[in-house]
Amino acid sequence: MPLSNMSMLMALRHMRKNDITTHGFRSTFRDWSAETTNAPREVAEMALAHVIPSKVEFSTGTHYGAPAPLPG
């Protein structure tokens, strides 16, 4: 079951991290999975419970080294 935005905000509040927002968590995970795993793009998107609206995507990461398997 996907986590809601409010669930993430409540987790941050519980950790007393009021200066952090949930914006960017999805992008960070996608960059990490692309850079460090062998998992297909679709697997990473399923892990995020994300529906791919188009074939155009944006990556903010920089790929270093060979990918590793996605944990789990």
N, C-alpha and C. Protein backbone atom coordinates (compact mmCIF):
# COMPACT_ATOMS: atom_id res chain seq x y z
N MET A 1 0.84 -1.17 0.00
CA MET A 1 0.00 0.00 0.00
C MET A 1 0.90 1.24 0.00
N PRO A 2 0.64 2.18 -0.90
CA PRO A 2 1.47 3.39 -0.96
C PRO A 2 1.28 4.27 0.27
N LEU A 3 2.33 4.97 0.63
CA LEU A 3 2.24 5.94 1.71
C LEU A 3 1.70 7.25 1.16
N SER A 4 0.85 7.88 1.91
CA SER A 4 0.33 9.18 1.49
C SER A 4 1.35 10.26 1.82
N ASN A 5 1.16 11.42 1.21
CA ASN A 5 2.02 12.55 1.49
C ASN A 5 1.94 12.91 2.98
N MET A 6 0.75 12.81 3.56
CA MET A 6 0.57 13.12 4.98
C MET A 6 1.32 12.12 5.86
N SER A 7 1.37 10.87 5.47
CA SER A 7 2.12 9.87 6.24
C SER A 7 3.59 10.24 6.31
N MET A 8 4.13 10.67 5.18
CA MET A 8 5.53 11.08 5.16
C MET A 8 5.75 12.33 6.01
N LEU A 9 4.83 13.29 5.92
CA LEU A 9 4.95 14.51 6.73
C LEU A 9 4.88 14.19 8.22
N MET A 10 3.99 13.27 8.60
CA MET A 10 3.87 12.89 10.01
C MET A 10 5.14 12.19 10.49
N ALA A 11 5.74 11.37 9.62
CA ALA A 11 7.00 10.71 10.00
C ALA A 11 8.09 11.75 10.22
N LEU A 12 8.16 12.75 9.36
CA LEU A 12 9.15 13.81 9.53
C LEU A 12 8.89 14.60 10.81
N ARG A 13 7.62 14.89 11.10
CA ARG A 13 7.29 15.60 12.34
C ARG A 13 7.68 14.78 13.56
N HIS A 14 7.43 13.47 13.50
CA HIS A 14 7.78 12.58 14.60
C HIS A 14 9.29 12.60 14.86
N MET A 15 10.07 12.76 13.79
CA MET A 15 11.53 12.85 13.91
C MET A 15 11.99 14.28 14.22
N ARG A 16 11.01 15.18 14.40
CA ARG A 16 11.29 16.59 14.68
C ARG A 16 12.11 17.25 13.58
N LYS A 17 11.78 16.88 12.34
CA LYS A 17 12.44 17.44 11.16
C LYS A 17 11.47 18.39 10.46
N ASN A 18 11.16 19.50 11.11
CA ASN A 18 10.17 20.43 10.58
C ASN A 18 10.70 21.28 9.42
N ASP A 19 12.00 21.23 9.17
CA ASP A 19 12.60 22.01 8.09
C ASP A 19 12.72 21.20 6.80
N ILE A 20 12.17 19.99 6.76
CA ILE A 20 12.25 19.11 5.60
C ILE A 20 10.85 18.89 5.05
N THR A 21 10.73 18.83 3.72
CA THR A 21 9.45 18.52 3.10
C THR A 21 9.56 17.18 2.37
N THR A 22 8.44 16.66 1.93
CA THR A 22 8.45 15.39 1.21
C THR A 22 8.78 15.57 -0.26
N HIS A 23 8.80 16.81 -0.73
CA HIS A 23 9.12 17.08 -2.12
C HIS A 23 10.53 16.57 -2.43
N GLY A 24 10.66 15.78 -3.45
CA GLY A 24 11.97 15.28 -3.85
C GLY A 24 12.27 13.85 -3.44
N PHE A 25 11.47 13.26 -2.54
CA PHE A 25 11.73 11.88 -2.13
C PHE A 25 11.60 10.92 -3.32
N ARG A 26 10.58 11.12 -4.15
CA ARG A 26 10.38 10.26 -5.31
C ARG A 26 11.55 10.38 -6.27
N SER A 27 11.94 11.61 -6.57
CA SER A 27 13.05 11.84 -7.49
C SER A 27 14.35 11.26 -6.94
N THR A 28 14.56 11.44 -5.64
CA THR A 28 15.77 10.91 -5.02
C THR A 28 15.82 9.39 -5.12
N PHE A 29 14.69 8.73 -4.86
CA PHE A 29 14.65 7.27 -4.97
C PHE A 29 14.90 6.82 -6.40
N ARG A 30 14.28 7.50 -7.37
CA ARG A 30 14.46 7.11 -8.78
C ARG A 30 15.91 7.27 -9.21
N ASP A 31 16.53 8.38 -8.80
CA ASP A 31 17.95 8.59 -9.13
C ASP A 31 18.81 7.51 -8.49
N TRP A 32 18.54 7.22 -7.21
CA TRP A 32 19.30 6.19 -6.51
C TRP A 32 19.15 4.84 -7.19
N SER A 33 17.91 4.46 -7.52
CA SER A 33 17.70 3.15 -8.12
C SER A 33 18.34 3.06 -9.51
N ALA A 34 18.32 4.14 -10.26
CA ALA A 34 18.94 4.13 -11.59
C ALA A 34 20.46 4.07 -11.50
N GLU A 35 21.02 4.71 -10.49
CA GLU A 35 22.47 4.81 -10.37
C GLU A 35 23.11 3.63 -9.66
N THR A 36 22.37 2.95 -8.81
CA THR A 36 23.00 1.93 -7.96
C THR A 36 22.41 0.54 -8.08
N THR A 37 21.40 0.34 -8.92
CA THR A 37 20.79 -0.98 -9.04
C THR A 37 20.68 -1.41 -10.49
N ASN A 38 20.39 -2.67 -10.69
CA ASN A 38 20.13 -3.21 -12.03
C ASN A 38 18.63 -3.31 -12.30
N ALA A 39 17.83 -2.78 -11.40
CA ALA A 39 16.38 -2.90 -11.53
C ALA A 39 15.90 -2.10 -12.74
N PRO A 40 14.99 -2.69 -13.52
CA PRO A 40 14.41 -1.93 -14.63
C PRO A 40 13.64 -0.71 -14.11
N ARG A 41 13.53 0.29 -14.93
CA ARG A 41 12.82 1.52 -14.58
C ARG A 41 11.41 1.22 -14.08
N GLU A 42 10.74 0.28 -14.73
CA GLU A 42 9.38 -0.06 -14.35
C GLU A 42 9.29 -0.63 -12.94
N VAL A 43 10.31 -1.36 -12.50
CA VAL A 43 10.33 -1.91 -11.15
C VAL A 43 10.43 -0.79 -10.13
N ALA A 44 11.31 0.17 -10.40
CA ALA A 44 11.43 1.32 -9.49
C ALA A 44 10.12 2.09 -9.42
N GLU A 45 9.46 2.26 -10.55
CA GLU A 45 8.18 2.97 -10.56
C GLU A 45 7.12 2.19 -9.79
N MET A 46 7.12 0.87 -9.91
CA MET A 46 6.16 0.06 -9.15
C MET A 46 6.45 0.16 -7.66
N ALA A 47 7.74 0.22 -7.29
CA ALA A 47 8.09 0.37 -5.87
C ALA A 47 7.54 1.68 -5.31
N LEU A 48 7.40 2.67 -6.16
CA LEU A 48 6.84 3.96 -5.76
C LEU A 48 5.33 4.02 -5.93
N ALA A 49 4.75 2.93 -6.44
CA ALA A 49 3.31 2.90 -6.77
C ALA A 49 2.98 4.05 -7.70
N HIS A 50 3.87 4.27 -8.66
CA HIS A 50 3.75 5.40 -9.57
C HIS A 50 3.19 4.96 -10.91
N VAL A 51 2.25 5.71 -11.43
CA VAL A 51 1.71 5.48 -12.75
C VAL A 51 2.49 6.34 -13.73
N ILE A 52 3.00 5.73 -14.79
CA ILE A 52 3.80 6.46 -15.75
C ILE A 52 2.86 7.14 -16.75
N PRO A 53 2.70 8.48 -16.69
CA PRO A 53 1.76 9.17 -17.55
C PRO A 53 2.24 9.33 -18.99
N SER A 54 3.54 9.35 -19.20
CA SER A 54 4.06 9.52 -20.55
C SER A 54 5.41 8.82 -20.66
N LYS A 55 5.95 8.79 -21.85
CA LYS A 55 7.24 8.15 -22.06
C LYS A 55 8.39 9.11 -21.79
N VAL A 56 8.09 10.37 -21.47
CA VAL A 56 9.12 11.36 -21.19
C VAL A 56 9.36 11.41 -19.70
N GLU A 57 10.60 11.20 -19.28
CA GLU A 57 10.95 11.27 -17.87
C GLU A 57 12.19 12.14 -17.70
N PHE A 58 12.42 12.58 -16.48
CA PHE A 58 13.53 13.47 -16.17
C PHE A 58 14.35 12.86 -15.05
N SER A 59 15.67 12.88 -15.18
CA SER A 59 16.56 12.37 -14.15
C SER A 59 17.48 13.49 -13.70
N THR A 60 17.60 13.65 -12.38
CA THR A 60 18.49 14.68 -11.85
C THR A 60 19.79 14.09 -11.34
N GLY A 61 19.96 12.79 -11.44
CA GLY A 61 21.14 12.14 -10.89
C GLY A 61 22.30 12.09 -11.86
N THR A 62 23.40 11.64 -11.32
CA THR A 62 24.58 11.39 -12.13
C THR A 62 24.98 9.95 -11.90
N HIS A 63 25.10 9.19 -12.94
CA HIS A 63 25.34 7.76 -12.83
C HIS A 63 26.83 7.49 -12.61
N TYR A 64 27.15 6.83 -11.49
CA TYR A 64 28.53 6.45 -11.18
C TYR A 64 28.61 4.95 -10.96
N GLY A 65 29.51 4.30 -11.63
CA GLY A 65 29.76 2.88 -11.40
C GLY A 65 28.67 1.97 -11.92
N ALA A 66 28.87 0.69 -11.73
CA ALA A 66 27.92 -0.32 -12.17
C ALA A 66 26.74 -0.40 -11.21
N PRO A 67 25.54 -0.59 -11.74
CA PRO A 67 24.36 -0.71 -10.87
C PRO A 67 24.39 -1.98 -10.02
N ALA A 68 23.75 -1.91 -8.87
CA ALA A 68 23.61 -3.03 -7.95
C ALA A 68 22.15 -3.46 -7.94
N PRO A 69 21.83 -4.68 -7.47
CA PRO A 69 20.43 -5.11 -7.43
C PRO A 69 19.61 -4.28 -6.45
N LEU A 70 18.33 -4.06 -6.79
CA LEU A 70 17.41 -3.34 -5.92
C LEU A 70 17.09 -4.22 -4.73
N PRO A 71 17.27 -3.72 -3.48
CA PRO A 71 17.00 -4.56 -2.30
C PRO A 71 15.53 -4.97 -2.23
N GLY A 72 15.30 -6.12 -1.65
CA GLY A 72 13.93 -6.54 -1.41
C GLY A 72 13.57 -7.63 -2.27
